[in-house]
C-alpha atoms as a PDB file:
ATOM      1  CA  MET A   1      77.358  96.398  74.356  1.00  0.00           C
ATOM      2  CA  ALA A   2      79.211  99.462  75.644  1.00  0.00           C
ATOM      3  CA  ARG A   3      78.220 100.932  79.020  1.00  0.00           C
ATOM      4  CA  THR A   4      78.465 104.430  80.436  1.00  0.00           C
ATOM      5  CA  GLY A   5      79.338 105.392  83.974  1.00  0.00           C
ATOM      6  CA  LYS A   6      81.305 107.801  86.136  1.00  0.00           C
ATOM      7  CA  ALA A   7      85.072 107.730  86.458  1.00  0.00           C
ATOM      8  CA  VAL A   8      87.643 109.811  88.345  1.00  0.00           C
ATOM      9  CA  VAL A   9      90.043 111.315  85.810  1.00  0.00           C
ATOM     10  CA  ALA A  10      93.315 113.220  86.141  1.00  0.00           C
ATOM     11  CA  ARG A  11      93.551 115.586  83.177  1.00  0.00           C
ATOM     12  CA  GLU A  12      96.229 118.060  84.278  1.00  0.00           C
ATOM     13  CA  LEU A  13      99.141 117.714  86.668  1.00  0.00           C
ATOM     14  CA  ASN A  14      98.697 119.443  90.027  1.00  0.00           C
ATOM     15  CA  LYS A  15      95.039 120.155  89.287  1.00  0.00           C
ATOM     16  CA  PRO A  16      91.981 118.704  91.060  1.00  0.00           C
ATOM     17  CA  VAL A  17      90.710 115.419  89.680  1.00  0.00           C
ATOM     18  CA  VAL A  18      87.417 115.499  87.806  1.00  0.00           C
ATOM     19  CA  VAL A  19      84.492 113.081  87.713  1.00  0.00           C
ATOM     20  CA  GLU A  20      83.346 112.408  84.156  1.00  0.00           C
ATOM     21  CA  GLU A  21      80.775 110.284  82.390  1.00  0.00           C
ATOM     22  CA  VAL A  22      82.802 107.851  80.284  1.00  0.00           C
ATOM     23  CA  THR A  23      82.104 104.906  77.984  1.00  0.00           C
ATOM     24  CA  PHE A  24      83.340 101.411  78.821  1.00  0.00           C
ATOM     25  CA  ASP A  25      83.690  99.157  75.792  1.00  0.00           C
ATOM     26  CA  PRO A  26      82.904  95.433  76.068  1.00  0.00           C
ATOM     27  CA  PRO A  27      85.775  93.270  77.322  1.00  0.00           C
ATOM     28  CA  GLY A  28      88.064  91.776  74.710  1.00  0.00           C
ATOM     29  CA  ARG A  29      89.705  88.379  74.666  1.00  0.00           C
ATOM     30  CA  GLY A  30      90.983  87.420  78.121  1.00  0.00           C
ATOM     31  CA  GLU A  31      89.279  90.435  79.724  1.00  0.00           C
ATOM     32  CA  ALA A  32      86.395  91.033  82.119  1.00  0.00           C
ATOM     33  CA  LEU A  33      84.048  93.909  82.894  1.00  0.00           C
ATOM     34  CA  VAL A  34      83.732  94.580  86.622  1.00  0.00           C
ATOM     35  CA  LYS A  35      81.143  96.651  88.453  1.00  0.00           C
ATOM     36  CA  ILE A  36      83.176  98.418  91.116  1.00  0.00           C
ATOM     37  CA  ASP A  37      81.727  98.125  94.626  1.00  0.00           C
ATOM     38  CA  ALA A  38      84.450  99.893  96.654  1.00  0.00           C
ATOM     39  CA  VAL A  39      87.777 101.554  95.887  1.00  0.00           C
ATOM     40  CA  GLY A  40      90.596 102.851  98.072  1.00  0.00           C
ATOM     41  CA  VAL A  41      92.161 106.283  97.648  1.00  0.00           C
ATOM     42  CA  CYS A  42      95.874 105.564  97.756  1.00  0.00           C
ATOM     43  CA  HIS A  43      98.918 107.857  97.811  1.00  0.00           C
ATOM     44  CA  SER A  44     100.051 106.204  94.576  1.00  0.00           C
ATOM     45  CA  ASP A  45      96.946 107.617  92.889  1.00  0.00           C
ATOM     46  CA  LEU A  46      97.796 111.024  94.330  1.00  0.00           C
ATOM     47  CA  SER A  47     101.332 110.642  92.967  1.00  0.00           C
ATOM     48  CA  ALA A  48      99.918 110.191  89.473  1.00  0.00           C
ATOM     49  CA  THR A  49      98.134 113.540  89.779  1.00  0.00           C
ATOM     50  CA  ASN A  50     101.308 115.459  90.620  1.00  0.00           C
ATOM     51  CA  GLY A  51     103.798 113.695  88.349  1.00  0.00           C
ATOM     52  CA  THR A  52     105.684 111.740  91.012  1.00  0.00           C
ATOM     53  CA  ILE A  53     104.461 108.652  89.178  1.00  0.00           C
ATOM     54  CA  ALA A  54     104.783 109.546  85.515  1.00  0.00           C
ATOM     55  CA  LEU A  55     101.792 108.170  83.604  1.00  0.00           C
ATOM     56  CA  PRO A  56     100.293 109.833  80.534  1.00  0.00           C
ATOM     57  CA  LEU A  57      97.174 111.941  80.989  1.00  0.00           C
ATOM     58  CA  PRO A  58      94.209 111.898  80.768  1.00  0.00           C
ATOM     59  CA  LEU A  59      94.174 108.994  83.207  1.00  0.00           C
ATOM     60  CA  ILE A  60      91.424 107.130  85.048  1.00  0.00           C
ATOM     61  CA  LEU A  61      92.798 106.700  88.555  1.00  0.00           C
ATOM     62  CA  GLY A  62      92.476 103.831  91.008  1.00  0.00           C
ATOM     63  CA  HIS A  63      94.185 100.486  91.549  1.00  0.00           C
ATOM     64  CA  GLU A  64      92.830  99.259  94.897  1.00  0.00           C
ATOM     65  CA  ALA A  65      89.254  97.988  94.527  1.00  0.00           C
ATOM     66  CA  ALA A  66      86.723  95.223  94.984  1.00  0.00           C
ATOM     67  CA  GLY A  67      83.861  94.547  92.602  1.00  0.00           C
ATOM     68  CA  THR A  68      81.658  92.030  90.848  1.00  0.00           C
ATOM     69  CA  VAL A  69      82.263  90.521  87.406  1.00  0.00           C
ATOM     70  CA  ILE A  70      79.304  91.322  85.138  1.00  0.00           C
ATOM     71  CA  GLU A  71      80.663  90.345  81.713  1.00  0.00           C
ATOM     72  CA  VAL A  72      83.582  88.325  80.367  1.00  0.00           C
ATOM     73  CA  GLY A  73      85.312  88.318  77.013  1.00  0.00           C
ATOM     74  CA  GLU A  74      86.285  85.446  74.770  1.00  0.00           C
ATOM     75  CA  GLY A  75      88.589  82.832  76.258  1.00  0.00           C
ATOM     76  CA  VAL A  76      88.198  83.893  79.893  1.00  0.00           C
ATOM     77  CA  THR A  77      88.587  80.928  82.246  1.00  0.00           C
ATOM     78  CA  GLU A  78      89.844  82.355  85.533  1.00  0.00           C
ATOM     79  CA  VAL A  79      86.760  84.395  86.527  1.00  0.00           C
ATOM     80  CA  ALA A  80      83.051  84.165  85.735  1.00  0.00           C
ATOM     81  CA  VAL A  81      80.013  86.441  85.814  1.00  0.00           C
ATOM     82  CA  GLY A  82      78.927  86.897  89.431  1.00  0.00           C
ATOM     83  CA  ASP A  83      82.374  86.399  90.950  1.00  0.00           C
ATOM     84  CA  HIS A  84      83.427  88.847  93.654  1.00  0.00           C
ATOM     85  CA  VAL A  85      86.939  90.034  92.820  1.00  0.00           C
ATOM     86  CA  VAL A  86      89.764  92.203  94.099  1.00  0.00           C
ATOM     87  CA  ALA A  87      91.820  94.128  91.553  1.00  0.00           C
ATOM     88  CA  ASN A  88      95.482  93.162  91.241  1.00  0.00           C
ATOM     89  CA  TRP A  89      97.333  96.171  89.814  1.00  0.00           C
ATOM     90  CA  ILE A  90     100.348  94.240  88.493  1.00  0.00           C
ATOM     91  CA  TYR A  91      99.785  92.250  85.322  1.00  0.00           C
ATOM     92  CA  MET A  92     101.327  88.792  85.713  1.00  0.00           C
ATOM     93  CA  CYS A  93     101.818  86.733  82.563  1.00  0.00           C
ATOM     94  CA  GLY A  94     102.084  83.346  84.298  1.00  0.00           C
ATOM     95  CA  HIS A  95     104.799  82.140  81.911  1.00  0.00           C
ATOM     96  CA  CYS A  96     108.026  84.073  82.496  1.00  0.00           C
ATOM     97  CA  ARG A  97     110.874  83.016  84.772  1.00  0.00           C
ATOM     98  CA  TYR A  98     109.559  85.078  87.686  1.00  0.00           C
ATOM     99  CA  CYS A  99     105.974  83.864  87.445  1.00  0.00           C
ATOM    100  CA  ASN A 100     107.164  80.268  87.184  1.00  0.00           C
ATOM    101  CA  THR A 101     109.406  80.557  90.238  1.00  0.00           C
ATOM    102  CA  GLY A 102     106.767  82.039  92.531  1.00  0.00           C
ATOM    103  CA  ARG A 103     107.771  85.703  92.221  1.00  0.00           C
ATOM    104  CA  PRO A 104     105.059  87.101  89.927  1.00  0.00           C
ATOM    105  CA  VAL A 105     105.356  90.674  91.219  1.00  0.00           C
ATOM    106  CA  LEU A 106     108.610  90.799  89.224  1.00  0.00           C
ATOM    107  CA  CYS A 107     106.910  89.558  86.016  1.00  0.00           C
ATOM    108  CA  ASP A 108     108.793  90.393  82.823  1.00  0.00           C
ATOM    109  CA  GLN A 109     105.554  91.451  81.105  1.00  0.00           C
ATOM    110  CA  GLN A 110     104.081  93.868  83.650  1.00  0.00           C
ATOM    111  CA  GLY A 111     105.404  96.906  81.796  1.00  0.00           C
ATOM    112  CA  LYS A 112     103.061  96.148  78.888  1.00  0.00           C
ATOM    113  CA  ALA A 113     100.010  97.169  80.925  1.00  0.00           C
ATOM    114  CA  LEU A 114     101.048 100.261  82.860  1.00  0.00           C
ATOM    115  CA  PHE A 115      98.308 102.514  81.497  1.00  0.00           C
ATOM    116  CA  THR A 116      96.561 100.543  78.735  1.00  0.00           C
ATOM    117  CA  MET A 117      95.275  97.040  78.179  1.00  0.00           C
ATOM    118  CA  LEU A 118      97.869  94.376  77.405  1.00  0.00           C
ATOM    119  CA  ASP A 119      97.522  94.940  73.648  1.00  0.00           C
ATOM    120  CA  GLY A 120      98.276  98.662  74.020  1.00  0.00           C
ATOM    121  CA  THR A 121      94.687  99.823  73.392  1.00  0.00           C
ATOM    122  CA  SER A 122      92.055 101.312  75.683  1.00  0.00           C
ATOM    123  CA  ARG A 123      88.557 100.128  76.632  1.00  0.00           C
ATOM    124  CA  THR A 124      87.453 103.522  77.972  1.00  0.00           C
ATOM    125  CA  ARG A 125      86.511 106.691  76.102  1.00  0.00           C
ATOM    126  CA  ASP A 126      85.516 110.177  77.215  1.00  0.00           C
ATOM    127  CA  ALA A 127      82.440 112.120  76.093  1.00  0.00           C
ATOM    128  CA  ALA A 128      84.277 113.207  72.934  1.00  0.00           C
ATOM    129  CA  GLY A 129      85.088 109.607  72.042  1.00  0.00           C
ATOM    130  CA  LYS A 130      88.795 109.961  72.837  1.00  0.00           C
ATOM    131  CA  PRO A 131      90.537 107.046  74.595  1.00  0.00           C
ATOM    132  CA  LEU A 132      91.428 107.366  78.279  1.00  0.00           C
ATOM    133  CA  ASN A 133      94.479 105.796  79.908  1.00  0.00           C
ATOM    134  CA  VAL A 134      93.998 103.719  83.049  1.00  0.00           C
ATOM    135  CA  PHE A 135      96.189 103.587  86.146  1.00  0.00           C
ATOM    136  CA  SER A 136      98.258 100.368  86.247  1.00  0.00           C
ATOM    137  CA  GLY A 137      96.164  98.835  83.508  1.00  0.00           C
ATOM    138  CA  VAL A 138      93.074  98.706  85.738  1.00  0.00           C
ATOM    139  CA  GLY A 139      91.752 102.249  86.396  1.00  0.00           C
ATOM    140  CA  VAL A 140      89.230 101.113  89.006  1.00  0.00           C
ATOM    141  CA  MET A 141      88.254 104.486  90.471  1.00  0.00           C
ATOM    142  CA  ALA A 142      85.076 104.341  88.445  1.00  0.00           C
ATOM    143  CA  GLU A 143      81.663 102.723  88.407  1.00  0.00           C
ATOM    144  CA  TYR A 144      83.010 100.058  86.015  1.00  0.00           C
ATOM    145  CA  ALA A 145      86.400  98.807  84.898  1.00  0.00           C
ATOM    146  CA  VAL A 146      87.611  96.549  82.098  1.00  0.00           C
ATOM    147  CA  THR A 147      90.678  94.555  83.129  1.00  0.00           C
ATOM    148  CA  HIS A 148      92.589  91.476  82.039  1.00  0.00           C
ATOM    149  CA  GLU A 149      91.444  88.372  83.914  1.00  0.00           C
ATOM    150  CA  ARG A 150      94.950  88.022  85.377  1.00  0.00           C
ATOM    151  CA  ASN A 151      94.386  91.349  87.136  1.00  0.00           C
ATOM    152  CA  LEU A 152      91.505  89.898  89.164  1.00  0.00           C
ATOM    153  CA  VAL A 153      91.490  87.662  92.232  1.00  0.00           C
ATOM    154  CA  LYS A 154      88.296  86.029  93.504  1.00  0.00           C
ATOM    155  CA  TYR A 155      87.366  86.501  97.165  1.00  0.00           C
ATOM    156  CA  ASP A 156      84.790  85.270  99.679  1.00  0.00           C
ATOM    157  CA  ALA A 157      81.672  87.465  99.521  1.00  0.00           C
ATOM    158  CA  LYS A 158      81.361  87.216 103.322  1.00  0.00           C
ATOM    159  CA  VAL A 159      83.966  89.984 103.425  1.00  0.00           C
ATOM    160  CA  PRO A 160      82.458  93.476 102.890  1.00  0.00           C
ATOM    161  CA  ALA A 161      83.738  95.068  99.671  1.00  0.00           C
ATOM    162  CA  ASP A 162      85.279  98.096 101.383  1.00  0.00           C
ATOM    163  CA  ARG A 163      87.473  95.782 103.471  1.00  0.00           C
ATOM    164  CA  ALA A 164      88.282  93.438 100.604  1.00  0.00           C
ATOM    165  CA  ALA A 165      89.473  96.348  98.450  1.00  0.00           C
ATOM    166  CA  LEU A 166      92.228  97.173 100.941  1.00  0.00           C
ATOM    167  CA  VAL A 167      94.141  93.933 100.375  1.00  0.00           C
ATOM    168  CA  GLY A 168      94.692  95.061  96.784  1.00  0.00           C
ATOM    169  CA  CYS A 169      97.524  97.385  97.795  1.00  0.00           C
ATOM    170  CA  ALA A 170      98.513  98.732 101.233  1.00  0.00           C
ATOM    171  CA  VAL A 171      97.585  95.716 103.349  1.00  0.00           C
ATOM    172  CA  THR A 172      99.362  93.169 101.182  1.00  0.00           C
ATOM    173  CA  THR A 173     102.343  95.496 100.679  1.00  0.00           C
ATOM    174  CA  GLY A 174     102.832  95.919 104.435  1.00  0.00           C
ATOM    175  CA  VAL A 175     101.815  92.546 105.839  1.00  0.00           C
ATOM    176  CA  GLY A 176     103.584  90.801 102.970  1.00  0.00           C
ATOM    177  CA  ALA A 177     106.833  92.674 103.676  1.00  0.00           C
ATOM    178  CA  ALA A 178     106.842  91.156 107.164  1.00  0.00           C
ATOM    179  CA  ILE A 179     105.556  87.671 106.357  1.00  0.00           C
ATOM    180  CA  ASN A 180     106.796  87.020 102.815  1.00  0.00           C
ATOM    181  CA  THR A 181     109.893  89.184 102.348  1.00  0.00           C
ATOM    182  CA  ALA A 182     111.405  89.272 105.837  1.00  0.00           C
ATOM    183  CA  ARG A 183     109.799  86.068 107.120  1.00  0.00           C
ATOM    184  CA  VAL A 184     109.767  87.540 110.602  1.00  0.00           C
ATOM    185  CA  GLN A 185     110.377  84.881 113.234  1.00  0.00           C
ATOM    186  CA  PRO A 186     108.439  84.471 116.504  1.00  0.00           C
ATOM    187  CA  GLY A 187     110.081  86.207 119.439  1.00  0.00           C
ATOM    188  CA  SER A 188     112.033  88.654 117.290  1.00  0.00           C
ATOM    189  CA  THR A 189     112.463  92.415 117.583  1.00  0.00           C
ATOM    190  CA  CYS A 190     111.326  94.638 114.709  1.00  0.00           C
ATOM    191  CA  GLY A 191     111.559  98.343 113.958  1.00  0.00           C
ATOM    192  CA  VAL A 192     109.265 100.176 111.535  1.00  0.00           C
ATOM    193  CA  TRP A 193     110.120 103.642 110.185  1.00  0.00           C
ATOM    194  CA  GLY A 194     106.944 105.409 109.013  1.00  0.00           C
ATOM    195  CA  THR A 195     103.490 104.524 110.337  1.00  0.00           C
ATOM    196  CA  GLY A 196     101.231 105.516 107.463  1.00  0.00           C
ATOM    197  CA  GLY A 197      98.985 102.980 105.765  1.00  0.00           C
ATOM    198  CA  VAL A 198     101.819 100.684 104.670  1.00  0.00           C
ATOM    199  CA  GLY A 199     103.759 101.017 107.927  1.00  0.00           C
ATOM    200  CA  LEU A 200     100.710 100.124 110.008  1.00  0.00           C
ATOM    201  CA  ASN A 201     100.322  96.973 107.967  1.00  0.00           C
ATOM    202  CA  VAL A 202     103.978  96.088 108.399  1.00  0.00           C
ATOM    203  CA  ILE A 203     103.397  96.427 112.134  1.00  0.00           C
ATOM    204  CA  GLN A 204     100.400  94.123 112.144  1.00  0.00           C
ATOM    205  CA  GLY A 205     102.259  91.724 109.854  1.00  0.00           C
ATOM    206  CA  CYS A 206     105.083  91.539 112.407  1.00  0.00           C
ATOM    207  CA  ALA A 207     102.529  90.973 115.172  1.00  0.00           C
ATOM    208  CA  ILE A 208     100.803  88.188 113.218  1.00  0.00           C
ATOM    209  CA  ALA A 209     104.216  86.571 112.642  1.00  0.00           C
ATOM    210  CA  GLY A 210     104.800  86.500 116.412  1.00  0.00           C
ATOM    211  CA  ALA A 211     107.358  89.278 116.911  1.00  0.00           C
ATOM    212  CA  GLU A 212     107.865  89.937 120.615  1.00  0.00           C
ATOM    213  CA  ARG A 213     108.810  93.587 120.278  1.00  0.00           C
ATOM    214  CA  ILE A 214     107.707  96.008 117.544  1.00  0.00           C
ATOM    215  CA  ILE A 215     109.143  99.526 117.672  1.00  0.00           C
ATOM    216  CA  ALA A 216     107.255 102.168 115.683  1.00  0.00           C
ATOM    217  CA  ILE A 217     109.165 105.283 114.621  1.00  0.00           C
ATOM    218  CA  ASP A 218     107.518 108.404 113.228  1.00  0.00           C
ATOM    219  CA  THR A 219     107.492 112.186 113.484  1.00  0.00           C
ATOM    220  CA  SER A 220     103.754 112.311 114.310  1.00  0.00           C
ATOM    221  CA  ASP A 221     102.269 111.645 117.748  1.00  0.00           C
ATOM    222  CA  ALA A 222      98.857 110.830 116.253  1.00  0.00           C
ATOM    223  CA  LYS A 223     100.321 108.252 113.883  1.00  0.00           C
ATOM    224  CA  LEU A 224     102.305 106.650 116.667  1.00  0.00           C
ATOM    225  CA  GLU A 225      99.211 106.229 118.830  1.00  0.00           C
ATOM    226  CA  LEU A 226      97.496 104.533 115.898  1.00  0.00           C
ATOM    227  CA  ALA A 227     100.533 102.269 115.525  1.00  0.00           C
ATOM    228  CA  ARG A 228      99.962 101.002 119.061  1.00  0.00           C
ATOM    229  CA  GLN A 229      96.463  99.841 118.045  1.00  0.00           C
ATOM    230  CA  PHE A 230      98.031  97.757 115.256  1.00  0.00           C
ATOM    231  CA  GLY A 231     100.511  95.998 117.524  1.00  0.00           C
ATOM    232  CA  ALA A 232     103.444  98.329 118.218  1.00  0.00           C
ATOM    233  CA  THR A 233     104.944  97.693 121.663  1.00  0.00           C
ATOM    234  CA  ASP A 234     107.240 100.749 121.698  1.00  0.00           C
ATOM    235  CA  LEU A 235     106.760 104.211 120.210  1.00  0.00           C
ATOM    236  CA  ILE A 236     109.576 106.576 119.274  1.00  0.00           C
ATOM    237  CA  LYS A 237     108.884 110.091 118.075  1.00  0.00           C
ATOM    238  CA  ALA A 238     111.819 111.119 115.919  1.00  0.00           C
ATOM    239  CA  ALA A 239     112.827 114.512 114.634  1.00  0.00           C
ATOM    240  CA  PRO A 240     113.299 114.697 110.841  1.00  0.00           C
ATOM    241  CA  GLY A 241     116.766 113.386 110.023  1.00  0.00           C
ATOM    242  CA  GLU A 242     117.448 112.195 113.580  1.00  0.00           C
ATOM    243  CA  ASP A 243     119.891 109.255 113.799  1.00  0.00           C
ATOM    244  CA  LEU A 244     118.472 106.696 116.220  1.00  0.00           C
ATOM    245  CA  THR A 245     121.171 104.048 115.742  1.00  0.00           C
ATOM    246  CA  LYS A 246     122.729 104.283 119.219  1.00  0.00           C
ATOM    247  CA  SER A 247     119.452 104.624 121.103  1.00  0.00           C
ATOM    248  CA  LEU A 248     117.859 101.705 119.236  1.00  0.00           C
ATOM    249  CA  LYS A 249     120.855  99.456 119.853  1.00  0.00           C
ATOM    250  CA  LYS A 250     120.776 100.369 123.531  1.00  0.00           C
ATOM    251  CA  LEU A 251     117.017  99.837 123.711  1.00  0.00           C
ATOM    252  CA  THR A 252     117.198  96.417 122.061  1.00  0.00           C
ATOM    253  CA  GLY A 253     120.454  95.163 123.540  1.00  0.00           C
ATOM    254  CA  GLY A 254     122.427  95.140 120.313  1.00  0.00           C
ATOM    255  CA  GLY A 255     120.093  96.033 117.471  1.00  0.00           C
ATOM    256  CA  LEU A 256     116.931  95.044 115.650  1.00  0.00           C
ATOM    257  CA  ASP A 257     116.409  91.643 114.114  1.00  0.00           C
ATOM    258  CA  TYR A 258     114.350  93.249 111.331  1.00  0.00           C
ATOM    259  CA  ALA A 259     114.056  96.866 110.236  1.00  0.00           C
ATOM    260  CA  PHE A 260     111.432  98.146 107.791  1.00  0.00           C
ATOM    261  CA  GLU A 261     111.753 101.460 105.945  1.00  0.00           C
ATOM    262  CA  CYS A 262     108.254 102.656 104.925  1.00  0.00           C
ATOM    263  CA  VAL A 263     109.015 106.319 104.265  1.00  0.00           C
ATOM    264  CA  GLY A 264     110.636 106.397 100.830  1.00  0.00           C
ATOM    265  CA  SER A 265     113.921 108.025 101.855  1.00  0.00           C
ATOM    266  CA  GLY A 266     117.493 107.067 101.050  1.00  0.00           C
ATOM    267  CA  GLU A 267     118.672 108.418 104.395  1.00  0.00           C
ATOM    268  CA  VAL A 268     116.032 106.525 106.351  1.00  0.00           C
ATOM    269  CA  ALA A 269     116.918 103.329 104.472  1.00  0.00           C
ATOM    270  CA  ALA A 270     120.537 103.751 105.592  1.00  0.00           C
ATOM    271  CA  ALA A 271     119.376 104.441 109.152  1.00  0.00           C
ATOM    272  CA  ALA A 272     117.289 101.265 109.162  1.00  0.00           C
ATOM    273  CA  TYR A 273     120.279  99.238 107.973  1.00  0.00           C
ATOM    274  CA  ARG A 274     122.533 100.726 110.664  1.00  0.00           C
ATOM    275  CA  ALA A 275     120.014  99.850 113.378  1.00  0.00           C
ATOM    276  CA  VAL A 276     119.881  96.096 112.730  1.00  0.00           C
ATOM    277  CA  ARG A 277     122.102  93.695 114.651  1.00  0.00           C
ATOM    278  CA  ARG A 278     124.827  91.554 113.114  1.00  0.00           C
ATOM    279  CA  GLY A 279     123.145  89.082 110.808  1.00  0.00           C
ATOM    280  CA  GLY A 280     119.953  91.185 110.811  1.00  0.00           C
ATOM    281  CA  LEU A 281     117.776  92.241 107.897  1.00  0.00           C
ATOM    282  CA  ALA A 282     116.687  95.674 106.680  1.00  0.00           C
ATOM    283  CA  VAL A 283     113.699  95.709 104.308  1.00  0.00           C
ATOM    284  CA  ILE A 284     113.083  98.741 102.095  1.00  0.00           C
ATOM    285  CA  VAL A 285     109.354  99.101 101.442  1.00  0.00           C
ATOM    286  CA  GLY A 286     108.974 102.826 100.744  1.00  0.00           C
ATOM    287  CA  VAL A 287     109.477 104.126  97.204  1.00  0.00           C
ATOM    288  CA  ALA A 288     112.008 106.958  97.261  1.00  0.00           C
ATOM    289  CA  PRO A 289     112.364 109.723  94.640  1.00  0.00           C
ATOM    290  CA  ALA A 290     114.586 108.900  91.673  1.00  0.00           C
ATOM    291  CA  SER A 291     117.218 111.319  92.998  1.00  0.00           C
ATOM    292  CA  ALA A 292     117.572 109.543  96.362  1.00  0.00           C
ATOM    293  CA  SER A 293     120.467 107.257  97.220  1.00  0.00           C
ATOM    294  CA  THR A 294     121.556 105.118 100.159  1.00  0.00           C
ATOM    295  CA  THR A 295     125.148 104.988 101.413  1.00  0.00           C
ATOM    296  CA  LEU A 296     126.552 102.070 103.423  1.00  0.00           C
ATOM    297  CA  VAL A 297     129.974 101.610 105.022  1.00  0.00           C
ATOM    298  CA  THR A 298     131.477  98.966 102.748  1.00  0.00           C
ATOM    299  CA  ARG A 299     134.196  97.825 105.157  1.00  0.00           C
ATOM    300  CA  SER A 300     131.611  96.627 107.689  1.00  0.00           C
ATOM    301  CA  LEU A 301     129.710  94.386 105.258  1.00  0.00           C
ATOM    302  CA  PRO A 302     131.784  91.173 105.561  1.00  0.00           C
ATOM    303  CA  PHE A 303     132.153  91.497 109.317  1.00  0.00           C
ATOM    304  CA  GLU A 304     128.487  92.035 110.168  1.00  0.00           C
ATOM    305  CA  GLU A 305     126.735  89.789 107.606  1.00  0.00           C
ATOM    306  CA  LYS A 306     123.747  92.132 107.604  1.00  0.00           C
ATOM    307  CA  THR A 307     121.319  92.111 104.673  1.00  0.00           C
ATOM    308  CA  ILE A 308     119.416  94.921 102.966  1.00  0.00           C
ATOM    309  CA  THR A 309     116.663  94.053 100.493  1.00  0.00           C
ATOM    310  CA  GLY A 310     113.644  95.550  98.814  1.00  0.00           C
ATOM    311  CA  SER A 311     110.041  94.435  99.081  1.00  0.00           C
ATOM    312  CA  TYR A 312     107.717  95.087  96.144  1.00  0.00           C
ATOM    313  CA  PHE A 313     103.995  94.623  96.816  1.00  0.00           C
ATOM    314  CA  GLY A 314     104.869  92.460  99.801  1.00  0.00           C
ATOM    315  CA  SER A 315     106.631  89.868  97.593  1.00  0.00           C
ATOM    316  CA  CYS A 316     103.137  88.473  97.179  1.00  0.00           C
ATOM    317  CA  VAL A 317     101.442  85.919  94.983  1.00  0.00           C
ATOM    318  CA  PRO A 318      98.042  87.646  94.747  1.00  0.00           C
ATOM    319  CA  ARG A 319      95.965  84.513  94.153  1.00  0.00           C
ATOM    320  CA  ILE A 320      97.426  83.038  97.328  1.00  0.00           C
ATOM    321  CA  ASP A 321      97.967  86.107  99.475  1.00  0.00           C
ATOM    322  CA  PHE A 322      94.740  88.054  98.888  1.00  0.00           C
ATOM    323  CA  PRO A 323      92.531  85.176 100.098  1.00  0.00           C
ATOM    324  CA  ARG A 324      94.983  84.471 102.920  1.00  0.00           C
ATOM    325  CA  MET A 325      94.761  88.086 104.134  1.00  0.00           C
ATOM    326  CA  LEU A 326      90.972  88.015 104.031  1.00  0.00           C
ATOM    327  CA  ALA A 327      90.907  84.693 105.888  1.00  0.00           C
ATOM    328  CA  LEU A 328      92.991  86.307 108.632  1.00  0.00           C
ATOM    329  CA  TYR A 329      90.475  89.157 108.720  1.00  0.00           C
ATOM    330  CA  LEU A 330      87.534  86.759 109.102  1.00  0.00           C
ATOM    331  CA  LYS A 331      89.373  85.070 111.974  1.00  0.00           C
ATOM    332  CA  GLY A 332      89.846  88.436 113.694  1.00  0.00           C
ATOM    333  CA  GLU A 333      93.631  88.387 113.298  1.00  0.00           C
ATOM    334  CA  LEU A 334      93.963  91.146 110.675  1.00  0.00           C
ATOM    335  CA  LYS A 335      92.615  94.666 111.155  1.00  0.00           C
ATOM    336  CA  LEU A 336      90.879  96.159 108.124  1.00  0.00           C
ATOM    337  CA  GLU A 337      87.996  98.327 109.377  1.00  0.00           C
ATOM    338  CA  GLU A 338      90.479 100.301 111.471  1.00  0.00           C
ATOM    339  CA  LEU A 339      92.322 101.369 108.314  1.00  0.00           C
ATOM    340  CA  ILE A 340      89.246 103.172 106.952  1.00  0.00           C
ATOM    341  CA  THR A 341      89.273 106.779 108.138  1.00  0.00           C
ATOM    342  CA  ARG A 342      86.460 108.144 105.962  1.00  0.00           C
ATOM    343  CA  ARG A 343      84.146 107.109 103.136  1.00  0.00           C
ATOM    344  CA  TYR A 344      83.371 109.221 100.057  1.00  0.00           C
ATOM    345  CA  ARG A 345      80.910 109.011  97.190  1.00  0.00           C
ATOM    346  CA  ILE A 346      82.475 109.055  93.733  1.00  0.00           C
ATOM    347  CA  ASP A 347      81.268 112.633  93.204  1.00  0.00           C
ATOM    348  CA  GLU A 348      83.382 113.630  96.239  1.00  0.00           C
ATOM    349  CA  ALA A 349      86.611 112.356  94.684  1.00  0.00           C
ATOM    350  CA  ALA A 350      88.233 115.797  94.481  1.00  0.00           C
ATOM    351  CA  GLN A 351      87.681 116.274  98.218  1.00  0.00           C
ATOM    352  CA  ALA A 352      89.082 112.805  98.933  1.00  0.00           C
ATOM    353  CA  PHE A 353      92.302 113.661  97.094  1.00  0.00           C
ATOM    354  CA  ALA A 354      92.504 117.044  98.807  1.00  0.00           C
ATOM    355  CA  ASP A 355      92.142 115.335 102.190  1.00  0.00           C
ATOM    356  CA  LEU A 356      94.746 112.752 101.248  1.00  0.00           C
ATOM    357  CA  GLY A 357      97.194 115.484 100.324  1.00  0.00           C
ATOM    358  CA  THR A 358      96.725 117.168 103.696  1.00  0.00           C
ATOM    359  CA  ARG A 359      96.649 113.836 105.614  1.00  0.00           C
ATOM    360  CA  ALA A 360      93.025 114.461 106.649  1.00  0.00           C
ATOM    361  CA  ALA A 361      91.888 111.205 105.040  1.00  0.00           C
END
């Protein structure tokens, strides 16, 4: 039986989001209906409202959530009614080369569920009966969501839903970049450009991995002070476009072991690469505009043996990494409450996005 409930919908670019009463159809084969308990307001959702992330409108927003399974469709075996679940916003087929080699975030099939269900149809309709697209195939900024079972990961109900939701995006992206992608070694020196939500999680990922020195770099004093709470040992306030290569090499006695770019800038990516020592690693976490590029001095590549790589969603395996993150939280080793700056009711969604755009959230 279909259900009705509220959902946060983007209908026009660069216009406030709206909260609408929508209809959620029953889950189809391989799908589950989830009652959403908590959802994060992420910059990626904001990007969908202004066209930076190009998804067709009207669009139910949201990709970072925790909820409870209340109905399952035919053939579902991976979740059951009553399970507490975190949304995984990348569909992973489980059969392609990447899924079979432990790199499911690169799944060949993920493009089939960018804004619809896997079969290209929708399970949500507006008051006029017209289908609504859903962000990343999940659209969890709503009272309910219908998703494929592969987009859900079970978690321990001892973790409050508002904390559990956070591992669905920013936490895993940041901590995973340090632990999975870079494999930061104990005693190492790390530098992190950009101390927003993802950067803070890179910092605490480096700390969990045992880095001895973690240098946070940002243009904001307030953000840098927050970075210290998450494990940064050194704070550098940088002017926009400032080249810190010489000062960082002097500060660290030759360069960083690991550098993380969490801004989304081609120039900052190049700066991070320049700042690592010979044999060091620069990890690009931020998503830059399509027009951005990064320039390296080719002649130095064979002599320095430095590496530059990307990190997508923390190179994670959600069914392994989500529970692992939450286990670290329960042990007191991973900060989650500290990432929550404010809570909103669903009817306050427009204000939440306005605050996010002005960095008040």
